[in-house]
C-alpha atoms as a PDB file:
ATOM      1  CA  MET A   1      64.590-160.032 102.962  1.00  0.00           C
ATOM      2  CA  ALA A   2      67.200-157.172 104.151  1.00  0.00           C
ATOM      3  CA  LEU A   3      65.255-154.718 101.620  1.00  0.00           C
ATOM      4  CA  THR A   4      62.379-155.698 103.723  1.00  0.00           C
ATOM      5  CA  ASN A   5      63.679-154.979 107.045  1.00  0.00           C
ATOM      6  CA  VAL A   6      64.756-151.667 105.667  1.00  0.00           C
ATOM      7  CA  LEU A   7      61.770-150.388 104.471  1.00  0.00           C
ATOM      8  CA  LEU A   8      59.371-152.224 107.433  1.00  0.00           C
ATOM      9  CA  LEU A   9      62.025-150.465 110.002  1.00  0.00           C
ATOM     10  CA  SER A  10      61.541-146.689 107.953  1.00  0.00           C
ATOM     11  CA  GLN A  11      57.841-147.248 108.057  1.00  0.00           C
ATOM     12  CA  ILE A  12      57.639-148.226 111.683  1.00  0.00           C
ATOM     13  CA  ALA A  13      59.841-145.307 112.949  1.00  0.00           C
ATOM     14  CA  ALA A  14      57.941-142.584 110.380  1.00  0.00           C
ATOM     15  CA  TYR A  15      54.430-143.604 112.224  1.00  0.00           C
ATOM     16  CA  VAL A  16      56.235-143.275 115.064  1.00  0.00           C
ATOM     17  CA  ILE A  17      57.011-139.650 114.486  1.00  0.00           C
ATOM     18  CA  GLY A  18      53.460-139.521 112.924  1.00  0.00           C
ATOM     19  CA  LEU A  19      52.032-140.113 116.270  1.00  0.00           C
ATOM     20  CA  ILE A  20      54.099-137.974 117.746  1.00  0.00           C
ATOM     21  CA  PHE A  21      52.918-134.945 115.514  1.00  0.00           C
ATOM     22  CA  SER A  22      49.212-135.932 115.714  1.00  0.00           C
ATOM     23  CA  LEU A  23      49.537-134.972 119.228  1.00  0.00           C
ATOM     24  CA  CYS A  24      51.005-131.953 118.971  1.00  0.00           C
ATOM     25  CA  ILE A  25      48.090-131.462 117.199  1.00  0.00           C
ATOM     26  CA  ILE A  26      45.395-132.792 119.351  1.00  0.00           C
ATOM     27  CA  VAL A  27      46.684-131.815 122.373  1.00  0.00           C
ATOM     28  CA  PRO A  28      47.150-127.711 122.215  1.00  0.00           C
ATOM     29  CA  MET A  29      44.247-127.235 120.103  1.00  0.00           C
ATOM     30  CA  SER A  30      42.470-129.216 122.862  1.00  0.00           C
ATOM     31  CA  MET A  31      43.516-126.573 125.225  1.00  0.00           C
ATOM     32  CA  HIS A  32      42.860-123.792 122.830  1.00  0.00           C
ATOM     33  CA  GLN A  33      39.117-124.472 122.512  1.00  0.00           C
ATOM     34  CA  ASP A  34      39.120-124.875 126.359  1.00  0.00           C
ATOM     35  CA  GLU A  35      40.747-122.141 127.548  1.00  0.00           C
ATOM     36  CA  PHE A  36      38.819-119.781 124.718  1.00  0.00           C
ATOM     37  CA  ASN A  37      35.290-121.299 126.296  1.00  0.00           C
ATOM     38  CA  GLY A  38      34.577-123.475 123.209  1.00  0.00           C
ATOM     39  CA  HIS A  39      35.476-120.768 120.667  1.00  0.00           C
ATOM     40  CA  CYS A  40      37.494-121.290 117.922  1.00  0.00           C
ATOM     41  CA  SER A  41      40.071-118.419 116.989  1.00  0.00           C
ATOM     42  CA  LEU A  42      40.743-119.694 113.879  1.00  0.00           C
ATOM     43  CA  PHE A  43      39.645-117.143 111.120  1.00  0.00           C
ATOM     44  CA  SER A  44      37.416-115.157 113.547  1.00  0.00           C
ATOM     45  CA  LYS A  45      37.491-111.544 113.218  1.00  0.00           C
ATOM     46  CA  GLY A  46      36.632-108.675 115.849  1.00  0.00           C
ATOM     47  CA  ALA A  47      37.303-105.116 116.462  1.00  0.00           C
ATOM     48  CA  TRP A  48      38.851-103.463 119.331  1.00  0.00           C
ATOM     49  CA  GLN A  49      36.297-100.676 121.245  1.00  0.00           C
ATOM     50  CA  GLU A  50      37.570 -97.510 122.190  1.00  0.00           C
ATOM     51  CA  GLU A  51      35.637 -97.098 125.341  1.00  0.00           C
ATOM     52  CA  ASP A  52      37.000 -99.745 127.249  1.00  0.00           C
ATOM     53  CA  GLY A  53      39.534-101.401 125.393  1.00  0.00           C
ATOM     54  CA  GLN A  54      38.162-104.832 124.736  1.00  0.00           C
ATOM     55  CA  LEU A  55      38.260-106.909 121.362  1.00  0.00           C
ATOM     56  CA  LEU A  56      34.439-107.084 120.530  1.00  0.00           C
ATOM     57  CA  VAL A  57      34.979-110.841 118.940  1.00  0.00           C
ATOM     58  CA  THR A  58      32.542-112.138 115.470  1.00  0.00           C
ATOM     59  CA  TRP A  59      33.922-115.656 116.377  1.00  0.00           C
ATOM     60  CA  ALA A  60      34.059-118.210 113.382  1.00  0.00           C
ATOM     61  CA  SER A  61      32.760-121.848 113.466  1.00  0.00           C
ATOM     62  CA  ARG A  62      34.047-124.064 115.859  1.00  0.00           C
ATOM     63  CA  ALA A  63      34.148-126.716 112.812  1.00  0.00           C
ATOM     64  CA  TYR A  64      37.713-125.370 111.969  1.00  0.00           C
ATOM     65  CA  CYS A  65      39.028-126.469 115.163  1.00  0.00           C
ATOM     66  CA  ASN A  66      37.269-129.472 115.292  1.00  0.00           C
ATOM     67  CA  TYR A  67      38.448-130.641 111.850  1.00  0.00           C
ATOM     68  CA  VAL A  68      41.938-129.936 112.900  1.00  0.00           C
ATOM     69  CA  ILE A  69      41.295-132.255 116.040  1.00  0.00           C
ATOM     70  CA  VAL A  70      39.486-134.729 114.223  1.00  0.00           C
ATOM     71  CA  VAL A  71      42.167-135.247 111.374  1.00  0.00           C
ATOM     72  CA  GLY A  72      45.248-135.153 114.993  1.00  0.00           C
ATOM     73  CA  VAL A  73      42.865-138.065 116.037  1.00  0.00           C
ATOM     74  CA  VAL A  74      42.466-140.204 112.883  1.00  0.00           C
ATOM     75  CA  MET A  75      46.244-139.965 112.364  1.00  0.00           C
ATOM     76  CA  PHE A  76      47.114-140.811 116.238  1.00  0.00           C
ATOM     77  CA  LEU A  77      44.765-144.028 115.783  1.00  0.00           C
ATOM     78  CA  VAL A  78      46.034-145.112 112.466  1.00  0.00           C
ATOM     79  CA  SER A  79      49.541-144.681 113.434  1.00  0.00           C
ATOM     80  CA  CYS A  80      48.900-146.562 116.500  1.00  0.00           C
ATOM     81  CA  VAL A  81      47.293-149.548 114.446  1.00  0.00           C
ATOM     82  CA  GLN A  82      50.255-149.471 111.568  1.00  0.00           C
ATOM     83  CA  ILE A  83      53.022-149.361 114.324  1.00  0.00           C
ATOM     84  CA  TYR A  84      51.811-152.630 115.935  1.00  0.00           C
ATOM     85  CA  ARG A  85      50.984-154.148 112.609  1.00  0.00           C
ATOM     86  CA  MET A  86      54.547-153.710 111.371  1.00  0.00           C
ATOM     87  CA  SER A  87      56.224-154.832 114.685  1.00  0.00           C
ATOM     88  CA  MET A  88      54.344-158.026 114.607  1.00  0.00           C
ATOM     89  CA  PHE A  89      55.709-158.460 110.683  1.00  0.00           C
ATOM     90  CA  MET A  90      59.130-157.566 111.833  1.00  0.00           C
ATOM     91  CA  TYR A  91      58.468-159.610 114.746  1.00  0.00           C
ATOM     92  CA  GLN A  92      57.548-162.555 112.661  1.00  0.00           C
ATOM     93  CA  GLY A  93      59.721-162.084 109.813  1.00  0.00           C
ATOM     94  CA  ILE A  94      56.988-161.530 107.375  1.00  0.00           C
ATOM     95  CA  ASP A  95      55.602-158.415 105.299  1.00  0.00           C
ATOM     96  CA  SER A  96      51.899-157.372 104.193  1.00  0.00           C
ATOM     97  CA  SER A  97      50.521-158.731 101.452  1.00  0.00           C
ATOM     98  CA  PHE A  98      50.017-156.991  98.030  1.00  0.00           C
ATOM     99  CA  LEU A  99      46.315-155.966  99.183  1.00  0.00           C
ATOM    100  CA  SER A 100      47.176-154.807 102.514  1.00  0.00           C
ATOM    101  CA  ALA A 101      49.772-152.948 100.750  1.00  0.00           C
ATOM    102  CA  PHE A 102      47.890-150.978  98.664  1.00  0.00           C
ATOM    103  CA  ILE A 103      45.068-150.351 101.117  1.00  0.00           C
ATOM    104  CA  GLU A 104      47.830-148.706 103.338  1.00  0.00           C
ATOM    105  CA  ALA A 105      49.268-146.744 100.138  1.00  0.00           C
ATOM    106  CA  VAL A 106      45.439-145.041 100.025  1.00  0.00           C
ATOM    107  CA  VAL A 107      45.458-144.071 103.301  1.00  0.00           C
ATOM    108  CA  CYS A 108      48.507-142.734 103.435  1.00  0.00           C
ATOM    109  CA  ILE A 109      47.524-140.508 100.331  1.00  0.00           C
ATOM    110  CA  THR A 110      44.323-139.415 101.484  1.00  0.00           C
ATOM    111  CA  LEU A 111      45.963-138.495 105.039  1.00  0.00           C
ATOM    112  CA  CYS A 112      48.489-136.418 102.936  1.00  0.00           C
ATOM    113  CA  GLY A 113      45.230-134.685 101.881  1.00  0.00           C
ATOM    114  CA  LEU A 114      44.036-134.634 105.303  1.00  0.00           C
ATOM    115  CA  ALA A 115      47.048-133.266 106.655  1.00  0.00           C
ATOM    116  CA  ILE A 116      47.859-130.276 104.413  1.00  0.00           C
ATOM    117  CA  SER A 117      44.289-129.437 104.553  1.00  0.00           C
ATOM    118  CA  ALA A 118      44.790-129.183 108.624  1.00  0.00           C
ATOM    119  CA  ALA A 119      47.378-127.036 108.431  1.00  0.00           C
ATOM    120  CA  VAL A 120      46.648-124.559 106.132  1.00  0.00           C
ATOM    121  CA  MET A 121      43.924-123.993 107.875  1.00  0.00           C
ATOM    122  CA  VAL A 122      45.689-123.224 110.804  1.00  0.00           C
ATOM    123  CA  THR A 123      47.534-121.216 109.124  1.00  0.00           C
ATOM    124  CA  LEU A 124      45.338-118.984 107.724  1.00  0.00           C
ATOM    125  CA  GLY A 125      43.089-119.299 110.604  1.00  0.00           C
ATOM    126  CA  PHE A 126      45.931-118.316 113.121  1.00  0.00           C
ATOM    127  CA  MET A 127      46.623-115.344 110.536  1.00  0.00           C
ATOM    128  CA  THR A 128      43.741-114.275 109.867  1.00  0.00           C
ATOM    129  CA  TRP A 129      43.298-113.956 114.246  1.00  0.00           C
ATOM    130  CA  CYS A 130      46.456-112.225 114.496  1.00  0.00           C
ATOM    131  CA  ASP A 131      45.461-109.693 112.206  1.00  0.00           C
ATOM    132  CA  ASN A 132      42.934-108.196 114.462  1.00  0.00           C
ATOM    133  CA  ILE A 133      46.143-108.345 117.527  1.00  0.00           C
ATOM    134  CA  VAL A 134      48.593-106.235 115.693  1.00  0.00           C
ATOM    135  CA  GLU A 135      46.097-103.904 115.400  1.00  0.00           C
ATOM    136  CA  ARG A 136      45.913-103.058 119.106  1.00  0.00           C
ATOM    137  CA  PHE A 137      49.743-104.588 120.148  1.00  0.00           C
ATOM    138  CA  PRO A 138      53.086-104.971 118.681  1.00  0.00           C
ATOM    139  CA  SER A 139      52.996-108.218 117.568  1.00  0.00           C
ATOM    140  CA  CYS A 140      50.336-111.758 118.259  1.00  0.00           C
ATOM    141  CA  GLU A 141      52.364-112.728 120.538  1.00  0.00           C
ATOM    142  CA  ASP A 142      51.804-109.657 123.145  1.00  0.00           C
ATOM    143  CA  VAL A 143      48.573-110.529 123.615  1.00  0.00           C
ATOM    144  CA  SER A 144      49.130-113.557 125.338  1.00  0.00           C
ATOM    145  CA  GLY A 145      47.949-113.093 128.932  1.00  0.00           C
ATOM    146  CA  GLN A 146      46.016-109.859 128.475  1.00  0.00           C
ATOM    147  CA  ASP A 147      42.206-109.738 129.091  1.00  0.00           C
ATOM    148  CA  ILE A 148      41.076-108.947 125.674  1.00  0.00           C
ATOM    149  CA  ASP A 149      37.346-110.094 126.240  1.00  0.00           C
ATOM    150  CA  LYS A 150      36.103-110.278 129.164  1.00  0.00           C
ATOM    151  CA  LYS A 151      32.129-110.815 127.498  1.00  0.00           C
ATOM    152  CA  ASP A 152      33.075-114.318 126.278  1.00  0.00           C
ATOM    153  CA  ASN A 153      35.545-115.032 129.158  1.00  0.00           C
ATOM    154  CA  ILE A 154      38.120-116.659 127.248  1.00  0.00           C
ATOM    155  CA  LYS A 155      41.897-116.920 128.393  1.00  0.00           C
ATOM    156  CA  THR A 156      44.763-115.956 126.329  1.00  0.00           C
ATOM    157  CA  HIS A 157      47.548-117.231 128.140  1.00  0.00           C
ATOM    158  CA  GLY A 158      48.856-119.825 126.127  1.00  0.00           C
ATOM    159  CA  PHE A 159      46.892-119.116 122.886  1.00  0.00           C
ATOM    160  CA  TYR A 160      49.801-118.634 121.073  1.00  0.00           C
ATOM    161  CA  ILE A 161      52.455-121.603 122.260  1.00  0.00           C
ATOM    162  CA  GLU A 162      49.121-123.788 121.506  1.00  0.00           C
ATOM    163  CA  LEU A 163      48.455-122.514 117.927  1.00  0.00           C
ATOM    164  CA  GLY A 164      51.996-122.256 117.022  1.00  0.00           C
ATOM    165  CA  SER A 165      52.555-126.393 118.090  1.00  0.00           C
ATOM    166  CA  ALA A 166      49.225-127.052 116.521  1.00  0.00           C
ATOM    167  CA  GLN A 167      50.829-125.257 113.052  1.00  0.00           C
ATOM    168  CA  PHE A 168      54.280-127.056 113.542  1.00  0.00           C
ATOM    169  CA  GLY A 169      52.638-130.160 114.601  1.00  0.00           C
ATOM    170  CA  ALA A 170      49.967-130.113 111.357  1.00  0.00           C
ATOM    171  CA  TRP A 171      53.159-129.315 108.649  1.00  0.00           C
ATOM    172  CA  GLY A 172      54.854-131.851 110.217  1.00  0.00           C
ATOM    173  CA  ALA A 173      52.470-134.933 110.146  1.00  0.00           C
ATOM    174  CA  PHE A 174      52.168-133.376 106.553  1.00  0.00           C
ATOM    175  CA  ALA A 175      55.681-134.042 105.886  1.00  0.00           C
ATOM    176  CA  THR A 176      55.678-137.170 107.600  1.00  0.00           C
ATOM    177  CA  TRP A 177      52.661-138.659 105.377  1.00  0.00           C
ATOM    178  CA  VAL A 178      54.505-137.939 102.357  1.00  0.00           C
ATOM    179  CA  GLY A 179      57.332-139.987 103.236  1.00  0.00           C
ATOM    180  CA  LEU A 180      54.644-142.878 104.361  1.00  0.00           C
ATOM    181  CA  SER A 181      53.025-142.531 101.176  1.00  0.00           C
ATOM    182  CA  VAL A 182      56.848-142.304  99.208  1.00  0.00           C
ATOM    183  CA  PHE A 183      57.589-146.029 101.475  1.00  0.00           C
ATOM    184  CA  SER A 184      54.250-147.439 101.069  1.00  0.00           C
ATOM    185  CA  THR A 185      54.435-146.655  97.085  1.00  0.00           C
ATOM    186  CA  LEU A 186      58.075-148.395  96.824  1.00  0.00           C
ATOM    187  CA  LYS A 187      56.710-151.515  98.414  1.00  0.00           C
ATOM    188  CA  LEU A 188      54.052-151.534  95.801  1.00  0.00           C
ATOM    189  CA  CYS A 189      56.712-151.192  93.073  1.00  0.00           C
ATOM    190  CA  ARG A 190      58.532-153.828  94.514  1.00  0.00           C
ATOM    191  CA  TYR A 191      55.651-156.230  94.618  1.00  0.00           C
ATOM    192  CA  HIS A 192      54.452-155.842  91.141  1.00  0.00           C
ATOM    193  CA  GLN A 193      58.540-156.342  90.225  1.00  0.00           C
ATOM    194  CA  LEU A 194      58.220-159.461  92.069  1.00  0.00           C
ATOM    195  CA  GLN A 195      55.066-159.978  90.516  1.00  0.00           C
ATOM    196  CA  ASN A 196      56.601-159.313  86.828  1.00  0.00           C
ATOM    197  CA  ILE A 197      59.786-161.849  87.837  1.00  0.00           C
ATOM    198  CA  GLN A 198      57.337-164.635  88.965  1.00  0.00           C
ATOM    199  CA  VAL A 199      55.160-164.008  85.563  1.00  0.00           C
ATOM    200  CA  SER A 200      57.956-164.295  83.370  1.00  0.00           C
ATOM    201  CA  MET A 201      59.666-167.342  85.041  1.00  0.00           C
ATOM    202  CA  TYR A 202      56.485-169.039  84.671  1.00  0.00           C
ATOM    203  CA  ARG A 203      56.202-168.553  81.290  1.00  0.00           C
ATOM    204  CA  GLU A 204      59.931-169.136  80.814  1.00  0.00           C
ATOM    205  CA  ARG A 205      58.939-172.674  82.396  1.00  0.00           C
ATOM    206  CA  GLN A 206      56.125-173.193  80.403  1.00  0.00           C
ATOM    207  CA  ARG A 207      57.860-172.333  77.202  1.00  0.00           C
ATOM    208  CA  LEU A 208      60.589-175.023  78.225  1.00  0.00           C
ATOM    209  CA  VAL A 209      58.289-177.970  79.181  1.00  0.00           C
ATOM    210  CA  ASN A 210      56.429-177.223  75.831  1.00  0.00           C
ATOM    211  CA  ASP A 211      59.753-177.313  73.959  1.00  0.00           C
ATOM    212  CA  SER A 212      60.607-180.650  75.600  1.00  0.00           C
ATOM    213  CA  GLY A 213      57.686-182.227  74.893  1.00  0.00           C
ATOM    214  CA  SER A 214      57.590-181.239  70.935  1.00  0.00           C
ATOM    215  CA  PRO A 215      57.950-183.863  68.193  1.00  0.00           C
ATOM    216  CA  ALA A 216      60.951-182.221  67.239  1.00  0.00           C
ATOM    217  CA  ALA A 217      62.277-182.322  70.522  1.00  0.00           C
ATOM    218  CA  GLU A 218      61.225-186.497  70.735  1.00  0.00           C
ATOM    219  CA  ARG A 219      63.482-187.465  67.450  1.00  0.00           C
ATOM    220  CA  ALA A 220      66.285-185.708  68.935  1.00  0.00           C
ATOM    221  CA  HIS A 221      66.449-187.419  71.785  1.00  0.00           C
ATOM    222  CA  THR A 222      65.541-190.942  69.927  1.00  0.00           C
ATOM    223  CA  PRO A 223      68.806-193.093  69.565  1.00  0.00           C
ATOM    224  CA  LEU A 224      69.498-193.900  65.373  1.00  0.00           C
ATOM    225  CA  GLU A 225      68.382-197.733  64.670  1.00  0.00           C
ATOM    226  CA  HIS A 226      71.684-199.563  62.603  1.00  0.00           C
END
């Protein structure tokens, strides 16, 4: 029971951390798209115009930013549901069944894949955008607040912090879901071990029952007649 409580507490804590990291993805990415007038800077490229110093941007698909936001929303919802479920388990002093633990392990592993894909997408997309910026500015951060694309009416005041926060949240979420996958796998192994112990005990009881009912055992227990 002590092991179950420790594992449940660890899972609840990890889901709370995952919830926080999901918000670190959703909020800044949504703000970024809003400030960039619906455009997504991830993987967008551009060329600096000599006549007016503006950046002529070839915008990448909005699906990159939308995908990252959707992954964050999915992680947020799953974390909320799991925090509630496991808090109820802890309050009632019970734990999930083998089937629900198996489903949980599959979900955690799936979200690991989604998290790392979102993290790589934000990292590489951010680097691609910054490659455009450093052609004119010393660093990517220096363009914050600069009016570099009047045509598309984008606002660059907080884009560096926003994309940096989303990148941090995505990698942090990936690490968290790796930990949750380990916890859920440990729970499955524990269930499997308990099942093997129960099966072994059942077979041993059956063997003892069969041995006690055998003719040899009956002769051994029958008193000798004089």
